[in-house]
Amino acid sequence: MDSADHGWQRDIHHVFKQRAVRQVAYVPDAGHAGLIRACESDPEITASVLTTEEEGIALLSGAWLGGQAGALLMQSSGVGNCINMLSLAATCRFPLLMLVTMRGEWGEFNPWQITMGQAVPDILSRAGVDVYRADKAEDVGETVAGAAGIAFDGERMVAVLLGQRLIGAKRWTSDGEESE
């Protein structure tokens, strides 16, 4: 990871290494950018870019059947795309570790992000997902490690919500969104 990356992203990558995560599925997201780069450059991890978030659930279910643990990286706006596909992991008891960068919270410039951002914890809980949250960099590694244990050892669906204060507020520029 380069110096522009956050330490908490290195902590997540370290958890992936400890838990032998070999598959990481993601929709490109600035909040996960450093972690995505670390996974892409890691020869032991296959990082797969998705066209939509629910594809990651199917990909990671297949990876588990093939003997590999995986994680799904997405932004809170992508949670709504996953609702139907969560039934695959729930019914078949496939472990599912999701890391969700939150939008619609502190410092949000885009009002279209607010509704889903506020609904994510309740939507995931109602779908049977165990939900944990990290808002401080020093809590991320331990929270993700605990969530990975619950997911992989207990064959459960688990999401760690990475708060907007942690990832940084985004602002609109003439080139599009960027993190502060």
Protein backbone atom coordinates (compact mmCIF):
# COMPACT_ATOMS: atom_id res chain seq x y z
CA MET A 1 0.00 0.00 0.00
CA ASP A 2 1.24 3.48 -0.70
CA SER A 3 1.53 6.32 1.78
CA ALA A 4 -1.82 7.80 0.73
CA ASP A 5 -3.62 4.71 2.02
CA HIS A 6 -5.14 4.55 5.47
CA GLY A 7 -3.60 2.33 8.14
CA TRP A 8 -6.96 0.71 8.78
CA GLN A 9 -6.92 -0.62 5.21
CA ARG A 10 -3.59 -2.30 5.96
CA ASP A 11 -5.20 -3.76 9.08
CA ILE A 12 -7.97 -5.29 6.97
CA HIS A 13 -5.45 -6.73 4.51
CA HIS A 14 -3.57 -8.21 7.48
CA VAL A 15 -6.81 -9.87 8.67
CA PHE A 16 -7.32 -11.26 5.17
CA LYS A 17 -3.85 -12.80 5.33
CA GLN A 18 -4.46 -14.25 8.82
CA ARG A 19 -7.79 -15.75 7.78
CA ALA A 20 -6.45 -17.06 4.43
CA VAL A 21 -8.91 -14.95 2.42
CA ARG A 22 -8.12 -15.85 -1.19
CA GLN A 23 -11.01 -14.19 -3.04
CA VAL A 24 -11.98 -10.52 -2.80
CA ALA A 25 -14.92 -9.30 -4.87
CA TYR A 26 -15.61 -5.60 -5.23
CA VAL A 27 -17.35 -2.82 -7.09
CA PRO A 28 -14.81 0.01 -7.41
CA ASP A 29 -15.11 2.45 -4.50
CA ALA A 30 -12.80 5.25 -3.37
CA GLY A 31 -13.34 4.26 0.27
CA HIS A 32 -11.84 0.82 -0.38
CA ALA A 33 -9.23 1.99 -2.92
CA GLY A 34 -6.11 1.24 -0.86
CA LEU A 35 -7.42 -2.16 0.22
CA ILE A 36 -8.37 -2.99 -3.36
CA ARG A 37 -4.86 -2.09 -4.56
CA ALA A 38 -3.33 -4.24 -1.81
CA CYS A 39 -5.51 -7.21 -2.76
CA GLU A 40 -4.80 -6.78 -6.47
CA SER A 41 -1.05 -6.77 -5.84
CA ASP A 42 -1.15 -9.74 -3.44
CA PRO A 43 -0.27 -12.94 -5.34
CA GLU A 44 -2.26 -15.03 -2.84
CA ILE A 45 -5.51 -13.10 -3.39
CA THR A 46 -7.69 -13.08 -6.49
CA ALA A 47 -9.40 -9.67 -6.66
CA SER A 48 -12.44 -9.67 -8.93
CA VAL A 49 -14.12 -6.49 -10.08
CA LEU A 50 -17.90 -6.82 -10.29
CA THR A 51 -20.49 -5.05 -12.39
CA THR A 52 -22.95 -5.16 -9.50
CA GLU A 53 -22.61 -6.14 -5.85
CA GLU A 54 -24.88 -9.19 -5.78
CA GLU A 55 -22.54 -10.97 -8.21
CA GLY A 56 -20.06 -11.03 -5.35
CA ILE A 57 -22.33 -13.17 -3.21
CA ALA A 58 -22.54 -15.84 -5.91
CA LEU A 59 -18.79 -15.63 -6.59
CA LEU A 60 -17.90 -15.99 -2.91
CA SER A 61 -20.37 -18.84 -2.42
CA GLY A 62 -18.65 -20.71 -5.25
CA ALA A 63 -15.25 -19.88 -3.79
CA TRP A 64 -16.33 -21.36 -0.44
CA LEU A 65 -17.51 -24.54 -2.18
CA GLY A 66 -14.07 -24.67 -3.82
CA GLY A 67 -12.33 -24.35 -0.46
CA GLN A 68 -11.49 -20.64 -0.44
CA ALA A 69 -12.61 -17.90 1.93
CA GLY A 70 -13.51 -14.53 0.48
CA ALA A 71 -14.78 -11.04 1.22
CA LEU A 72 -17.13 -8.64 -0.56
CA LEU A 73 -16.22 -4.94 -0.61
CA MET A 74 -18.94 -2.43 -1.40
CA GLN A 75 -20.39 0.97 -0.66
CA SER A 76 -23.61 1.32 1.34
CA SER A 77 -25.56 2.18 -1.82
CA GLY A 78 -24.78 -1.32 -3.12
CA VAL A 79 -26.44 -3.10 -0.20
CA GLY A 80 -29.85 -2.72 -1.83
CA ASN A 81 -28.60 -4.64 -4.86
CA CYS A 82 -27.80 -7.66 -2.67
CA ILE A 83 -31.08 -8.29 -0.87
CA ASN A 84 -32.40 -11.18 -3.02
CA MET A 85 -28.99 -12.81 -3.39
CA LEU A 86 -28.48 -12.87 0.39
CA SER A 87 -30.96 -15.76 0.41
CA LEU A 88 -28.31 -17.92 -1.31
CA ALA A 89 -25.83 -17.48 1.53
CA ALA A 90 -28.55 -17.73 4.19
CA THR A 91 -30.24 -20.85 2.85
CA CYS A 92 -27.03 -22.71 2.03
CA ARG A 93 -25.21 -21.45 5.15
CA PHE A 94 -22.29 -20.08 3.17
CA PRO A 95 -20.15 -17.68 5.15
CA LEU A 96 -20.29 -14.16 3.80
CA LEU A 97 -17.98 -11.39 4.99
CA MET A 98 -19.02 -7.97 3.68
CA LEU A 99 -17.10 -4.74 4.27
CA VAL A 100 -19.35 -1.77 3.59
CA THR A 101 -18.08 1.80 3.30
CA MET A 102 -20.88 4.05 4.47
CA ARG A 103 -22.33 7.03 2.65
CA GLY A 104 -25.18 9.33 3.66
CA GLU A 105 -23.66 10.13 7.04
CA TRP A 106 -21.30 12.76 8.40
CA GLY A 107 -20.18 15.28 5.78
CA GLU A 108 -22.28 13.82 2.95
CA PHE A 109 -22.69 16.21 0.02
CA ASN A 110 -25.01 13.99 -2.03
CA PRO A 111 -28.60 13.81 -0.74
CA TRP A 112 -29.24 10.73 -2.89
CA GLN A 113 -26.92 8.74 -0.61
CA ILE A 114 -28.69 9.59 2.65
CA THR A 115 -31.78 7.34 2.49
CA MET A 116 -29.89 4.11 1.78
CA GLY A 117 -27.05 5.05 4.12
CA GLN A 118 -29.49 5.40 7.00
CA ALA A 119 -31.34 2.19 6.13
CA VAL A 120 -28.34 -0.15 5.70
CA PRO A 121 -27.99 -1.44 9.29
CA ASP A 122 -31.69 -2.29 9.58
CA ILE A 123 -31.92 -3.80 6.08
CA LEU A 124 -28.95 -6.08 6.70
CA SER A 125 -30.18 -7.11 10.16
CA ARG A 126 -33.64 -7.93 8.82
CA ALA A 127 -32.02 -10.07 6.12
CA GLY A 128 -30.25 -12.15 8.80
CA VAL A 129 -26.84 -10.50 8.57
CA ASP A 130 -24.84 -9.88 11.75
CA VAL A 131 -23.88 -6.20 11.62
CA TYR A 132 -20.85 -4.59 13.25
CA ARG A 133 -19.51 -1.08 12.86
CA ALA A 134 -16.16 0.66 12.99
CA ASP A 135 -15.92 4.45 13.12
CA LYS A 136 -12.36 4.76 14.43
CA ALA A 137 -9.23 3.55 12.65
CA GLU A 138 -7.95 1.81 15.76
CA ASP A 139 -11.11 -0.35 15.91
CA VAL A 140 -11.12 -1.59 12.31
CA GLY A 141 -8.63 -4.47 12.48
CA GLU A 142 -10.12 -5.98 15.61
CA THR A 143 -13.70 -5.54 14.34
CA VAL A 144 -12.94 -7.13 10.96
CA ALA A 145 -11.01 -9.97 12.64
CA GLY A 146 -13.96 -10.70 14.92
CA ALA A 147 -16.41 -10.51 12.04
CA ALA A 148 -14.26 -12.85 9.92
CA GLY A 149 -14.21 -15.36 12.76
CA ILE A 150 -17.98 -15.27 13.08
CA ALA A 151 -18.46 -15.55 9.30
CA PHE A 152 -15.97 -18.30 8.51
CA ASP A 153 -16.07 -20.32 11.74
CA GLY A 154 -19.83 -19.98 12.23
CA GLU A 155 -20.86 -20.04 8.56
CA ARG A 156 -22.79 -16.81 8.99
CA MET A 157 -23.42 -13.67 6.99
CA VAL A 158 -21.58 -10.75 8.59
CA ALA A 159 -21.18 -7.11 7.59
CA VAL A 160 -18.76 -4.55 8.98
CA LEU A 161 -19.94 -1.01 8.35
CA LEU A 162 -17.02 1.38 7.92
CA GLY A 163 -18.38 4.77 8.97
CA GLN A 164 -18.09 7.88 6.85
CA ARG A 165 -15.99 9.64 9.50
CA LEU A 166 -13.48 6.81 9.10
CA ILE A 167 -13.34 6.85 5.30
CA GLY A 168 -13.61 10.62 5.03
CA ALA A 169 -16.32 12.85 3.63
CA LYS A 170 -16.54 13.09 -0.13
CA ARG A 171 -16.95 16.34 -1.97
CA TRP A 172 -17.98 17.18 -5.48
CA THR A 173 -15.30 18.45 -7.84
CA SER A 174 -15.44 19.30 -11.53
CA ASP A 175 -13.94 15.84 -12.17
CA GLY A 176 -16.53 14.04 -10.04
CA GLU A 177 -16.53 12.76 -6.45
CA GLU A 178 -13.38 12.56 -4.40
CA SER A 179 -12.60 11.88 -0.76
CA GLU A 180 -11.25 14.57 1.51
